[in-house]
N, C-alpha and C. Protein backbone atom coordinates (compact mmCIF):
# COMPACT_ATOMS: atom_id res chain seq x y z
N UNK A 1 -91.10 11.52 11.51
CA UNK A 1 -92.20 9.95 11.93
C UNK A 1 -93.06 10.63 13.46
N UNK A 2 -94.25 10.39 12.98
CA UNK A 2 -95.22 10.94 14.27
C UNK A 2 -94.74 10.29 15.65
N UNK A 3 -95.05 10.96 16.78
CA UNK A 3 -94.69 10.23 18.07
C UNK A 3 -95.49 9.17 18.18
N UNK A 4 -96.80 9.22 17.79
CA UNK A 4 -97.54 8.16 18.19
C UNK A 4 -97.45 6.95 17.43
N UNK A 5 -96.44 6.74 16.41
CA UNK A 5 -96.42 5.65 15.94
C UNK A 5 -95.05 4.74 16.34
N UNK A 6 -95.22 3.33 16.54
CA UNK A 6 -94.17 2.67 16.98
C UNK A 6 -93.15 2.54 15.90
N UNK A 7 -93.77 2.29 14.73
CA UNK A 7 -92.70 2.14 13.52
C UNK A 7 -93.09 2.63 12.31
N UNK A 8 -92.40 2.64 11.34
CA UNK A 8 -92.92 3.26 9.91
C UNK A 8 -92.25 2.68 8.80
N UNK A 9 -92.12 3.24 7.82
CA UNK A 9 -91.30 3.05 6.72
C UNK A 9 -90.80 4.14 5.69
N UNK A 10 -89.50 3.94 5.29
CA UNK A 10 -88.66 4.79 4.67
C UNK A 10 -89.74 5.06 3.60
N UNK A 11 -89.61 6.39 3.00
CA UNK A 11 -90.72 6.64 1.72
C UNK A 11 -89.46 6.35 0.47
N UNK A 12 -87.76 6.14 0.64
CA UNK A 12 -87.21 6.00 -0.35
C UNK A 12 -86.86 4.38 -0.55
N UNK A 13 -86.44 3.69 0.24
CA UNK A 13 -85.82 2.64 0.26
C UNK A 13 -87.06 1.41 0.90
N UNK A 14 -88.05 1.93 1.70
CA UNK A 14 -89.01 0.96 2.02
C UNK A 14 -88.62 -0.03 3.15
N UNK A 15 -87.65 0.51 4.02
CA UNK A 15 -86.92 -0.08 4.85
C UNK A 15 -87.95 0.16 6.06
N UNK A 16 -88.28 -0.93 7.12
CA UNK A 16 -88.86 -0.41 8.23
C UNK A 16 -88.00 0.46 9.12
N UNK A 17 -88.65 1.41 9.84
CA UNK A 17 -87.81 2.32 10.86
C UNK A 17 -88.64 2.12 12.33
N UNK A 18 -88.19 1.72 13.16
CA UNK A 18 -88.58 1.78 14.74
C UNK A 18 -88.40 2.91 15.26
N UNK A 19 -89.49 3.55 15.78
CA UNK A 19 -89.56 4.86 16.56
C UNK A 19 -89.19 4.45 18.53
N UNK A 20 -87.86 4.73 18.79
CA UNK A 20 -87.70 4.47 20.12
C UNK A 20 -88.47 5.10 21.21
N UNK A 21 -88.87 5.91 20.89
CA UNK A 21 -89.52 7.29 21.70
C UNK A 21 -91.10 7.45 21.23
N UNK A 22 -91.62 6.32 21.05
CA UNK A 22 -93.01 6.39 20.66
C UNK A 22 -94.14 7.03 21.75
N UNK A 23 -94.91 7.81 21.57
CA UNK A 23 -95.86 8.00 22.60
C UNK A 23 -97.28 7.45 22.26
N UNK A 24 -97.89 6.51 22.46
CA UNK A 24 -99.31 5.81 22.26
C UNK A 24 -99.93 6.16 23.43
N UNK A 25 -101.14 7.33 23.09
CA UNK A 25 -101.99 7.68 24.29
C UNK A 25 -101.06 8.18 25.26
N UNK A 26 -101.25 7.51 26.52
CA UNK A 26 -100.38 8.46 27.60
C UNK A 26 -99.15 7.59 28.07
N UNK A 27 -98.64 6.49 27.04
CA UNK A 27 -97.50 5.73 27.64
C UNK A 27 -96.55 5.92 26.38
N UNK A 28 -95.23 5.92 27.11
CA UNK A 28 -94.05 5.78 26.52
C UNK A 28 -93.71 4.75 26.00
N UNK A 29 -93.40 4.68 24.59
CA UNK A 29 -93.06 3.21 24.20
C UNK A 29 -91.62 2.95 23.98
N UNK A 30 -91.10 2.05 24.53
CA UNK A 30 -89.71 2.06 24.41
C UNK A 30 -89.48 0.53 23.75
N UNK A 31 -88.61 0.58 22.41
CA UNK A 31 -88.44 -0.66 21.29
C UNK A 31 -87.24 -1.57 22.44
N UNK A 32 -87.94 -2.81 22.54
CA UNK A 32 -86.60 -3.61 22.95
C UNK A 32 -85.55 -4.34 21.93
N UNK A 33 -84.81 -4.33 21.77
CA UNK A 33 -84.03 -4.95 20.77
C UNK A 33 -82.91 -5.69 20.87
N UNK A 34 -82.91 -6.31 22.36
CA UNK A 34 -82.15 -7.24 22.88
C UNK A 34 -82.12 -8.52 22.34
N UNK A 35 -83.50 -8.94 21.68
CA UNK A 35 -83.02 -10.39 21.20
C UNK A 35 -82.35 -10.23 19.78
N UNK A 36 -82.42 -9.21 19.10
CA UNK A 36 -82.08 -8.73 17.85
C UNK A 36 -80.63 -8.76 18.26
N UNK A 37 -80.27 -7.88 19.30
CA UNK A 37 -78.72 -7.57 19.48
C UNK A 37 -78.27 -8.98 19.85
N UNK A 38 -78.79 -10.21 20.66
CA UNK A 38 -78.42 -11.28 21.25
C UNK A 38 -78.15 -12.29 19.74
N UNK A 39 -79.00 -12.57 19.05
CA UNK A 39 -78.92 -12.83 17.71
C UNK A 39 -77.54 -12.65 16.82
N UNK A 40 -77.34 -11.29 16.78
CA UNK A 40 -76.30 -10.52 15.97
C UNK A 40 -74.97 -11.02 16.57
N UNK A 41 -74.81 -10.91 18.00
CA UNK A 41 -73.70 -11.36 18.77
C UNK A 41 -73.40 -12.64 18.38
N UNK A 42 -74.56 -13.67 18.38
CA UNK A 42 -74.13 -15.13 18.25
C UNK A 42 -73.53 -15.18 17.04
N UNK A 43 -74.15 -14.51 15.84
CA UNK A 43 -73.47 -14.89 14.56
C UNK A 43 -72.18 -14.13 14.37
N UNK A 44 -71.87 -13.34 15.22
CA UNK A 44 -70.53 -12.66 15.13
C UNK A 44 -69.50 -13.79 15.77
N UNK A 45 -69.86 -14.31 16.92
CA UNK A 45 -69.17 -15.47 17.74
C UNK A 45 -68.99 -16.59 16.81
N UNK A 46 -69.90 -17.02 15.95
CA UNK A 46 -69.78 -18.46 15.02
C UNK A 46 -69.04 -17.43 13.87
N UNK A 47 -69.01 -16.73 13.11
CA UNK A 47 -68.04 -15.78 12.40
C UNK A 47 -66.68 -15.91 12.75
N UNK A 48 -66.62 -15.29 13.99
CA UNK A 48 -65.12 -15.52 14.68
C UNK A 48 -64.60 -17.01 14.69
N UNK A 49 -65.23 -17.99 15.29
CA UNK A 49 -65.03 -19.41 15.08
C UNK A 49 -64.74 -19.55 13.84
N UNK A 50 -65.33 -19.37 12.88
CA UNK A 50 -65.15 -19.98 11.45
C UNK A 50 -63.92 -19.27 10.93
N UNK A 51 -63.42 -18.10 11.36
CA UNK A 51 -62.18 -17.55 10.97
C UNK A 51 -62.52 -16.64 9.91
N UNK A 52 -63.84 -16.15 9.46
CA UNK A 52 -64.49 -15.41 8.76
C UNK A 52 -64.68 -13.81 9.23
N UNK A 53 -63.32 -13.32 8.97
CA UNK A 53 -62.82 -12.24 9.48
C UNK A 53 -64.07 -11.01 8.94
N UNK A 54 -64.54 -11.00 7.51
CA UNK A 54 -65.32 -9.87 7.14
C UNK A 54 -66.82 -10.02 7.63
N UNK A 55 -67.26 -11.17 7.58
CA UNK A 55 -68.39 -11.21 8.69
C UNK A 55 -68.81 -11.05 9.78
N UNK A 56 -67.71 -11.48 10.74
CA UNK A 56 -67.67 -11.31 12.39
C UNK A 56 -67.45 -9.72 12.25
N UNK A 57 -66.79 -8.81 11.29
CA UNK A 57 -66.66 -7.39 11.53
C UNK A 57 -68.09 -6.99 11.40
N UNK A 58 -68.82 -7.04 10.47
CA UNK A 58 -70.05 -6.63 9.84
C UNK A 58 -71.01 -6.89 11.03
N UNK A 59 -70.90 -8.06 11.46
CA UNK A 59 -71.98 -8.59 12.57
C UNK A 59 -71.62 -7.71 13.86
N UNK A 60 -70.74 -7.41 14.24
CA UNK A 60 -70.20 -6.70 15.09
C UNK A 60 -70.74 -5.06 15.07
N UNK A 61 -70.19 -4.52 13.50
CA UNK A 61 -70.55 -3.42 13.48
C UNK A 61 -72.30 -3.04 13.99
N UNK A 62 -72.92 -4.09 13.20
CA UNK A 62 -74.48 -4.23 13.13
C UNK A 62 -74.83 -3.99 14.65
N UNK A 63 -74.47 -4.96 15.65
CA UNK A 63 -74.41 -5.16 16.89
C UNK A 63 -74.12 -3.77 17.70
N UNK A 64 -73.15 -3.03 17.02
CA UNK A 64 -72.82 -1.91 17.92
C UNK A 64 -73.91 -0.66 17.50
N UNK A 65 -74.37 -0.92 16.41
CA UNK A 65 -75.55 -0.07 16.14
C UNK A 65 -76.93 -0.09 16.63
N UNK A 66 -77.06 -1.75 16.88
CA UNK A 66 -78.50 -1.66 17.61
C UNK A 66 -78.12 -1.03 19.31
N UNK A 67 -76.96 -1.58 20.11
CA UNK A 67 -76.66 -1.27 21.50
C UNK A 67 -75.39 -1.00 21.52
N UNK A 68 -74.74 0.02 21.60
CA UNK A 68 -73.26 0.54 21.87
C UNK A 68 -73.07 0.45 23.24
N UNK A 69 -74.04 0.40 24.05
CA UNK A 69 -73.97 0.66 25.57
C UNK A 69 -73.80 -1.04 26.20
N UNK A 70 -73.28 -1.96 25.47
CA UNK A 70 -73.19 -3.43 26.06
C UNK A 70 -71.70 -3.86 25.91
N UNK A 71 -71.43 -4.35 26.93
CA UNK A 71 -69.77 -4.93 26.86
C UNK A 71 -69.38 -5.95 26.01
N UNK A 72 -70.41 -6.83 25.75
CA UNK A 72 -70.49 -8.02 24.58
C UNK A 72 -69.73 -7.46 23.43
N UNK A 73 -70.24 -6.50 23.11
CA UNK A 73 -69.73 -5.79 21.73
C UNK A 73 -68.41 -5.18 21.58
N UNK A 74 -68.16 -4.60 22.71
CA UNK A 74 -66.90 -3.77 22.82
C UNK A 74 -65.89 -4.92 23.01
N UNK A 75 -66.21 -6.30 23.79
CA UNK A 75 -65.03 -6.86 23.95
C UNK A 75 -64.74 -7.79 22.59
N UNK A 76 -65.89 -8.13 21.73
CA UNK A 76 -65.55 -8.43 20.45
C UNK A 76 -64.82 -7.52 19.49
N UNK A 77 -64.90 -6.18 19.48
CA UNK A 77 -64.42 -4.94 18.77
C UNK A 77 -63.11 -4.94 19.41
N UNK A 78 -62.74 -5.35 20.42
CA UNK A 78 -61.32 -5.29 20.92
C UNK A 78 -60.36 -6.42 20.11
N UNK A 79 -61.25 -7.67 19.55
CA UNK A 79 -60.57 -8.59 19.02
C UNK A 79 -60.47 -8.33 17.55
N UNK A 80 -61.25 -7.78 17.24
CA UNK A 80 -61.46 -7.28 15.77
C UNK A 80 -60.37 -6.14 15.34
N UNK A 81 -60.45 -5.20 16.30
CA UNK A 81 -59.62 -3.82 16.02
C UNK A 81 -58.67 -3.97 17.09
N UNK A 82 -57.33 -4.47 16.93
CA UNK A 82 -56.20 -4.81 17.79
C UNK A 82 -56.03 -3.55 18.14
N UNK A 83 -55.55 -2.53 17.39
CA UNK A 83 -55.25 -1.19 17.59
C UNK A 83 -55.79 -0.51 18.65
N UNK A 84 -56.90 -0.59 19.04
CA UNK A 84 -57.80 -0.24 19.94
C UNK A 84 -58.26 -1.11 21.11
N UNK A 85 -57.76 -2.26 21.22
CA UNK A 85 -58.42 -3.16 21.93
C UNK A 85 -58.26 -2.93 23.38
N UNK A 86 -57.08 -2.19 23.63
CA UNK A 86 -57.04 -1.54 25.11
C UNK A 86 -58.15 -0.64 25.26
N UNK A 87 -58.35 0.23 24.59
CA UNK A 87 -59.49 1.19 24.88
C UNK A 87 -60.76 0.68 25.02
N UNK A 88 -61.15 -0.44 24.03
CA UNK A 88 -62.35 -1.36 23.87
C UNK A 88 -62.71 -1.87 25.36
N UNK A 89 -61.70 -2.46 25.59
CA UNK A 89 -61.72 -3.18 26.96
C UNK A 89 -62.10 -2.40 28.20
N UNK A 90 -61.54 -1.18 28.11
CA UNK A 90 -61.91 -0.27 29.29
C UNK A 90 -63.12 0.05 29.06
N UNK A 91 -63.57 0.50 27.68
CA UNK A 91 -65.07 0.82 27.51
C UNK A 91 -65.81 -0.22 27.82
N UNK A 92 -65.66 -1.28 27.52
CA UNK A 92 -66.56 -2.62 27.58
C UNK A 92 -66.78 -2.86 29.18
N UNK A 93 -65.90 -2.50 30.10
CA UNK A 93 -65.94 -2.59 31.57
C UNK A 93 -66.96 -1.68 32.12
N UNK A 94 -67.55 -0.60 31.51
CA UNK A 94 -68.67 0.33 32.03
C UNK A 94 -69.87 -0.02 31.93
N UNK A 95 -69.84 -0.92 30.86
CA UNK A 95 -71.29 -1.40 30.48
C UNK A 95 -71.85 -2.83 30.70
N UNK A 96 -73.31 -3.13 31.01
CA UNK A 96 -73.75 -4.25 31.25
C UNK A 96 -73.30 -5.68 30.23
N UNK A 97 -73.43 -6.57 30.66
CA UNK A 97 -73.11 -7.83 29.48
C UNK A 97 -74.43 -8.73 29.28
N UNK A 98 -74.45 -9.40 28.39
CA UNK A 98 -75.39 -10.09 28.09
C UNK A 98 -75.08 -12.04 28.23
N UNK A 99 -73.60 -11.94 28.63
CA UNK A 99 -72.70 -13.03 28.88
C UNK A 99 -72.74 -13.73 27.48
N UNK A 100 -72.26 -13.17 26.32
CA UNK A 100 -72.23 -13.63 25.06
C UNK A 100 -70.82 -14.01 24.99
N UNK A 101 -70.32 -12.89 25.07
CA UNK A 101 -68.69 -12.53 24.71
C UNK A 101 -68.11 -11.87 25.88
N UNK A 102 -67.18 -12.22 26.87
CA UNK A 102 -66.76 -11.82 28.00
C UNK A 102 -65.26 -11.56 27.78
N UNK A 103 -65.02 -10.86 28.83
CA UNK A 103 -63.45 -10.48 28.79
C UNK A 103 -62.30 -11.45 28.50
N UNK A 104 -62.82 -12.61 29.30
CA UNK A 104 -61.87 -13.93 29.09
C UNK A 104 -61.57 -14.56 28.10
N UNK A 105 -62.86 -14.07 26.96
CA UNK A 105 -62.40 -14.49 25.43
C UNK A 105 -61.87 -13.89 24.59
N UNK A 106 -61.28 -12.35 24.95
CA UNK A 106 -60.82 -12.01 24.13
C UNK A 106 -59.61 -12.18 23.90
N UNK A 107 -58.69 -13.01 24.84
CA UNK A 107 -57.41 -13.68 24.61
C UNK A 107 -57.69 -14.94 23.68
N UNK A 108 -58.81 -15.65 24.06
CA UNK A 108 -58.86 -16.77 23.20
C UNK A 108 -59.07 -16.95 21.76
N UNK A 109 -59.78 -15.57 21.27
CA UNK A 109 -60.23 -15.20 20.20
C UNK A 109 -59.04 -14.46 19.41
N UNK A 110 -58.22 -14.15 20.06
CA UNK A 110 -57.02 -13.15 19.55
C UNK A 110 -56.67 -13.46 18.14
N UNK A 111 -56.61 -14.67 17.62
CA UNK A 111 -55.80 -14.91 16.44
C UNK A 111 -56.87 -15.82 15.67
N UNK A 112 -58.21 -15.38 16.01
CA UNK A 112 -59.40 -16.25 15.24
C UNK A 112 -58.99 -16.30 13.55
N UNK A 113 -58.61 -14.96 13.35
CA UNK A 113 -58.42 -15.10 11.75
C UNK A 113 -56.95 -15.24 11.19
N UNK A 114 -56.46 -15.99 11.64
CA UNK A 114 -54.92 -16.46 11.84
C UNK A 114 -53.97 -15.39 11.03
N UNK A 115 -54.13 -14.31 11.48
CA UNK A 115 -53.41 -13.11 11.19
C UNK A 115 -51.99 -13.29 11.26
N UNK A 116 -51.42 -13.52 12.74
CA UNK A 116 -50.18 -13.79 12.72
C UNK A 116 -49.43 -14.62 11.98
N UNK A 117 -50.15 -15.87 11.37
CA UNK A 117 -49.79 -16.95 10.75
C UNK A 117 -49.40 -16.36 9.19
N UNK A 118 -50.56 -15.51 8.85
CA UNK A 118 -50.38 -14.94 7.44
C UNK A 118 -49.40 -13.49 7.75
N UNK A 119 -49.02 -13.13 8.61
CA UNK A 119 -47.75 -12.53 8.66
C UNK A 119 -46.63 -13.11 8.64
N UNK A 120 -46.44 -14.05 9.01
CA UNK A 120 -45.23 -14.93 9.28
C UNK A 120 -45.10 -15.56 7.66
N UNK A 121 -46.13 -16.17 7.07
CA UNK A 121 -45.96 -16.54 5.78
C UNK A 121 -45.40 -15.39 4.83
N UNK A 122 -46.16 -14.14 5.09
CA UNK A 122 -45.67 -13.23 4.41
C UNK A 122 -44.15 -12.74 4.20
N UNK A 123 -43.68 -12.47 5.51
CA UNK A 123 -42.43 -12.23 5.86
C UNK A 123 -41.26 -13.45 5.05
N UNK A 124 -41.77 -14.79 5.30
CA UNK A 124 -41.16 -15.60 4.29
C UNK A 124 -41.00 -15.45 3.03
N UNK A 125 -42.22 -15.35 2.65
CA UNK A 125 -42.08 -14.96 0.93
C UNK A 125 -41.43 -13.70 0.40
N UNK A 126 -41.44 -12.77 1.32
CA UNK A 126 -40.22 -11.62 1.17
C UNK A 126 -38.59 -11.77 1.38
N UNK A 127 -38.59 -12.58 2.15
CA UNK A 127 -37.46 -13.27 2.55
C UNK A 127 -36.81 -14.39 1.09
N UNK A 128 -37.58 -14.92 0.77
CA UNK A 128 -37.52 -15.67 -0.04
C UNK A 128 -37.28 -15.14 -1.87
N UNK A 129 -37.88 -13.99 -2.05
CA UNK A 129 -37.67 -13.55 -3.31
C UNK A 129 -36.33 -12.57 -2.85
N UNK A 130 -36.26 -12.25 -1.89
CA UNK A 130 -34.61 -11.32 -1.77
C UNK A 130 -33.70 -12.61 -1.95
N UNK A 131 -33.89 -13.91 -1.29
CA UNK A 131 -32.80 -14.53 -1.53
C UNK A 131 -32.51 -15.08 -2.93
N UNK A 132 -33.75 -15.36 -3.80
CA UNK A 132 -33.64 -15.44 -4.90
C UNK A 132 -32.69 -14.63 -6.08
N UNK A 133 -33.34 -12.99 -5.84
CA UNK A 133 -32.72 -12.20 -6.52
C UNK A 133 -31.36 -12.29 -6.62
N UNK A 134 -31.00 -12.14 -4.93
CA UNK A 134 -29.39 -12.26 -4.72
C UNK A 134 -28.82 -13.29 -5.06
N UNK A 135 -29.25 -14.42 -4.89
CA UNK A 135 -28.70 -15.73 -5.61
C UNK A 135 -28.34 -15.60 -7.12
N UNK A 136 -29.71 -15.24 -8.06
CA UNK A 136 -29.35 -15.07 -9.48
C UNK A 136 -28.27 -14.03 -9.53
N UNK A 137 -28.28 -12.77 -9.24
CA UNK A 137 -27.22 -12.04 -9.09
C UNK A 137 -25.77 -12.36 -9.04
N UNK A 138 -25.67 -13.01 -7.66
CA UNK A 138 -24.50 -13.79 -7.24
C UNK A 138 -23.80 -14.53 -8.59
N UNK A 139 -24.69 -15.55 -8.53
CA UNK A 139 -24.75 -16.65 -9.64
C UNK A 139 -24.21 -16.57 -11.01
N UNK A 140 -24.95 -15.44 -11.46
CA UNK A 140 -24.88 -15.04 -12.75
C UNK A 140 -23.49 -14.53 -12.97
N UNK A 141 -23.10 -13.59 -12.01
CA UNK A 141 -21.81 -12.64 -11.97
C UNK A 141 -20.47 -13.45 -12.07
N UNK A 142 -20.90 -14.47 -11.09
CA UNK A 142 -19.42 -15.27 -10.65
C UNK A 142 -19.67 -16.38 -11.51
N UNK A 143 -20.59 -16.74 -11.97
CA UNK A 143 -20.92 -18.15 -12.64
C UNK A 143 -21.07 -19.33 -11.76
N UNK A 144 -21.84 -19.16 -10.76
CA UNK A 144 -21.92 -20.12 -9.70
C UNK A 144 -23.46 -20.55 -9.84
N UNK A 145 -23.68 -21.41 -11.02
CA UNK A 145 -25.21 -21.60 -11.26
C UNK A 145 -25.72 -22.45 -10.11
N UNK A 146 -24.81 -23.53 -9.79
CA UNK A 146 -25.17 -24.58 -8.67
C UNK A 146 -25.70 -23.62 -7.75
N UNK A 147 -25.31 -22.45 -6.74
CA UNK A 147 -25.78 -21.59 -5.89
C UNK A 147 -27.42 -21.35 -6.26
N UNK A 148 -27.68 -20.85 -7.62
CA UNK A 148 -29.13 -20.35 -7.73
C UNK A 148 -29.86 -21.56 -7.62
N UNK A 149 -29.71 -22.91 -8.33
CA UNK A 149 -30.38 -24.14 -8.03
C UNK A 149 -30.57 -24.46 -6.43
N UNK A 150 -29.38 -24.47 -5.77
CA UNK A 150 -29.61 -24.71 -4.33
C UNK A 150 -30.58 -23.67 -3.68
N UNK A 151 -30.18 -22.33 -3.75
CA UNK A 151 -31.45 -21.30 -3.49
C UNK A 151 -32.78 -21.42 -3.82
N UNK A 152 -33.03 -22.01 -5.00
CA UNK A 152 -34.42 -22.11 -5.18
C UNK A 152 -34.77 -23.34 -4.95
N UNK A 153 -33.98 -24.51 -4.66
CA UNK A 153 -34.70 -25.35 -4.12
C UNK A 153 -34.91 -25.42 -2.43
N UNK A 154 -34.25 -24.60 -1.64
CA UNK A 154 -34.24 -24.31 -0.27
C UNK A 154 -35.68 -23.41 -0.10
N UNK A 155 -35.75 -22.19 -1.13
CA UNK A 155 -36.73 -21.57 -0.85
C UNK A 155 -38.01 -22.25 -1.14
N UNK A 156 -37.94 -22.96 -2.30
CA UNK A 156 -39.54 -24.13 -2.44
C UNK A 156 -40.00 -24.86 -0.94
N UNK A 157 -38.96 -25.22 -0.72
CA UNK A 157 -39.09 -25.96 0.92
C UNK A 157 -39.13 -25.35 1.91
N UNK A 158 -38.69 -24.18 2.02
CA UNK A 158 -39.40 -23.43 3.13
C UNK A 158 -40.68 -22.98 3.05
N UNK A 159 -40.89 -22.38 2.00
CA UNK A 159 -42.36 -21.49 1.66
C UNK A 159 -43.34 -22.66 1.76
N UNK A 160 -42.84 -23.82 1.25
CA UNK A 160 -43.88 -25.03 1.20
C UNK A 160 -44.42 -25.37 2.86
N UNK A 161 -43.13 -25.55 3.84
CA UNK A 161 -43.41 -26.24 4.89
C UNK A 161 -43.88 -24.88 5.93
N UNK A 162 -43.72 -23.55 5.59
CA UNK A 162 -44.26 -22.46 6.32
C UNK A 162 -46.11 -22.56 6.01
N UNK A 163 -46.36 -22.63 4.84
CA UNK A 163 -47.48 -22.70 4.36
C UNK A 163 -48.48 -23.96 4.77
N UNK A 164 -47.64 -25.07 4.75
CA UNK A 164 -48.49 -26.16 5.54
C UNK A 164 -48.44 -25.90 7.28
N UNK A 165 -47.59 -25.03 7.66
CA UNK A 165 -47.53 -24.97 9.09
C UNK A 165 -48.67 -24.06 9.58
N UNK A 166 -48.75 -22.97 8.51
CA UNK A 166 -49.92 -21.78 8.99
C UNK A 166 -51.31 -22.59 8.65
N UNK A 167 -51.46 -23.30 7.64
CA UNK A 167 -52.78 -24.01 7.43
C UNK A 167 -53.01 -24.88 8.41
N UNK A 168 -52.10 -25.70 9.05
CA UNK A 168 -52.37 -26.64 9.93
C UNK A 168 -52.72 -26.08 11.74
N UNK A 169 -52.22 -24.72 11.62
CA UNK A 169 -52.51 -24.34 12.91
C UNK A 169 -53.66 -23.53 13.10
N UNK A 170 -55.01 -24.26 13.45
CA UNK A 170 -56.04 -23.68 13.89
C UNK A 170 -55.87 -22.73 15.22
N UNK A 171 -56.56 -21.51 15.36
CA UNK A 171 -56.49 -21.17 16.48
C UNK A 171 -57.27 -22.15 17.63
N UNK A 172 -56.98 -22.44 18.82
CA UNK A 172 -57.68 -23.16 19.64
C UNK A 172 -58.86 -22.44 20.09
N UNK A 173 -59.73 -22.34 19.40
CA UNK A 173 -61.26 -21.95 20.10
C UNK A 173 -62.35 -22.87 19.92
N UNK A 174 -62.99 -22.82 21.36
CA UNK A 174 -64.01 -23.79 21.44
C UNK A 174 -64.88 -23.38 20.62
N UNK A 175 -65.97 -24.42 20.31
CA UNK A 175 -67.05 -24.31 19.48
C UNK A 175 -68.22 -23.49 20.15
N UNK A 176 -68.56 -22.46 19.69
CA UNK A 176 -69.85 -21.55 20.75
C UNK A 176 -70.91 -22.51 20.68
N UNK A 177 -71.76 -22.95 21.48
CA UNK A 177 -72.66 -23.45 22.13
C UNK A 177 -73.93 -22.51 22.83
N UNK A 178 -75.06 -22.38 21.78
CA UNK A 178 -75.95 -21.66 22.39
C UNK A 178 -77.14 -22.42 22.86
N UNK A 179 -77.66 -22.36 23.53
CA UNK A 179 -78.99 -23.36 23.69
C UNK A 179 -80.15 -22.30 24.23
N UNK A 180 -81.44 -22.60 24.37
CA UNK A 180 -82.55 -21.80 24.64
C UNK A 180 -82.12 -21.60 26.06
N UNK A 181 -81.77 -22.21 26.98
CA UNK A 181 -81.98 -22.25 28.23
C UNK A 181 -80.65 -21.29 28.71
N UNK A 182 -79.55 -21.24 27.81
CA UNK A 182 -78.41 -20.18 28.08
C UNK A 182 -78.96 -18.42 28.09
N UNK A 183 -80.07 -18.39 27.11
CA UNK A 183 -80.73 -17.12 27.02
C UNK A 183 -80.94 -16.88 28.53
N UNK A 184 -81.89 -17.52 29.44
CA UNK A 184 -82.19 -17.38 30.89
C UNK A 184 -80.71 -16.97 31.72
N UNK A 185 -79.70 -17.71 31.18
CA UNK A 185 -78.37 -17.20 31.93
C UNK A 185 -77.97 -15.67 31.46
N UNK A 186 -78.14 -15.64 30.23
CA UNK A 186 -77.46 -14.20 29.64
C UNK A 186 -78.53 -13.03 30.25
N UNK A 187 -79.85 -13.40 30.47
CA UNK A 187 -80.71 -12.40 30.83
C UNK A 187 -80.27 -12.11 32.71
N UNK A 188 -79.73 -13.27 33.00
CA UNK A 188 -79.36 -13.15 34.57
C UNK A 188 -77.95 -12.34 34.64
N UNK A 189 -77.03 -12.75 33.72
CA UNK A 189 -76.00 -12.05 34.00
C UNK A 189 -76.44 -10.49 33.35
N UNK A 190 -76.96 -10.27 32.48
CA UNK A 190 -77.54 -8.69 32.16
C UNK A 190 -77.61 -8.12 33.55
N UNK A 191 -78.97 -8.78 34.25
CA UNK A 191 -79.42 -8.17 35.30
C UNK A 191 -78.36 -7.97 36.66
N UNK A 192 -77.49 -8.84 36.71
CA UNK A 192 -76.46 -8.58 37.79
C UNK A 192 -75.47 -7.74 37.32
N UNK A 193 -75.14 -7.48 36.13
CA UNK A 193 -74.24 -6.34 35.84
C UNK A 193 -75.12 -4.83 35.71
N UNK A 194 -76.23 -4.87 35.54
CA UNK A 194 -76.93 -3.88 35.77
C UNK A 194 -77.14 -3.19 37.11
N UNK A 195 -77.29 -4.15 37.77
CA UNK A 195 -77.27 -4.29 39.31
C UNK A 195 -76.25 -3.60 39.91
N UNK A 196 -75.03 -4.35 39.51
CA UNK A 196 -73.84 -3.89 39.87
C UNK A 196 -73.34 -2.31 39.50
N UNK A 197 -73.53 -2.13 38.30
CA UNK A 197 -73.38 -0.94 37.75
C UNK A 197 -74.06 0.43 38.52
N UNK A 198 -75.49 -0.11 38.46
CA UNK A 198 -76.21 0.72 39.44
C UNK A 198 -75.68 1.15 40.69
N UNK A 199 -75.61 0.40 41.45
CA UNK A 199 -75.28 0.09 42.64
C UNK A 199 -73.77 0.94 43.09
N UNK A 200 -72.92 0.92 41.93
CA UNK A 200 -71.81 1.88 42.14
C UNK A 200 -72.04 3.25 41.67
């Protein structure tokens, strides 16, 4: 792409390509993607609130491509990628914030996709299959058919109760509310963290 162009189009797919370092005349043009980043972060937060893990992960990945030097992105990634959460939080503290997703919200959104309940339900299912297999073996060998019926009844009740418990326990996540005036607060938070980071 020529340096004098602020944007162009891919000759293969037709997608618009922005030139971050365009030079128009004697002026260096810097593209501002902050509004796109804010919208993507908001969509990611809504997806987390809805428990939609694939959409949340896709939005966070998109936000990371727009601006990887933003703390909100890394705090969200700490929620999505729990294995690297500690490193993500350390990395997030190095960058400015837009005030959309903070460090305090990492613990609030920790179980947004109900993964801990799913792990419990999976463990109950595995134990239930083992119990059924063991009762069938013992019941057939020793002629204790009442044992098989009893274990089946217990397994059905335990699995049903676990399923209902997992379904009823929605994570206590407050509904995200974004108003036009909050964008000004986001700008203020961004400027404040930039000033703080620049001062150190």
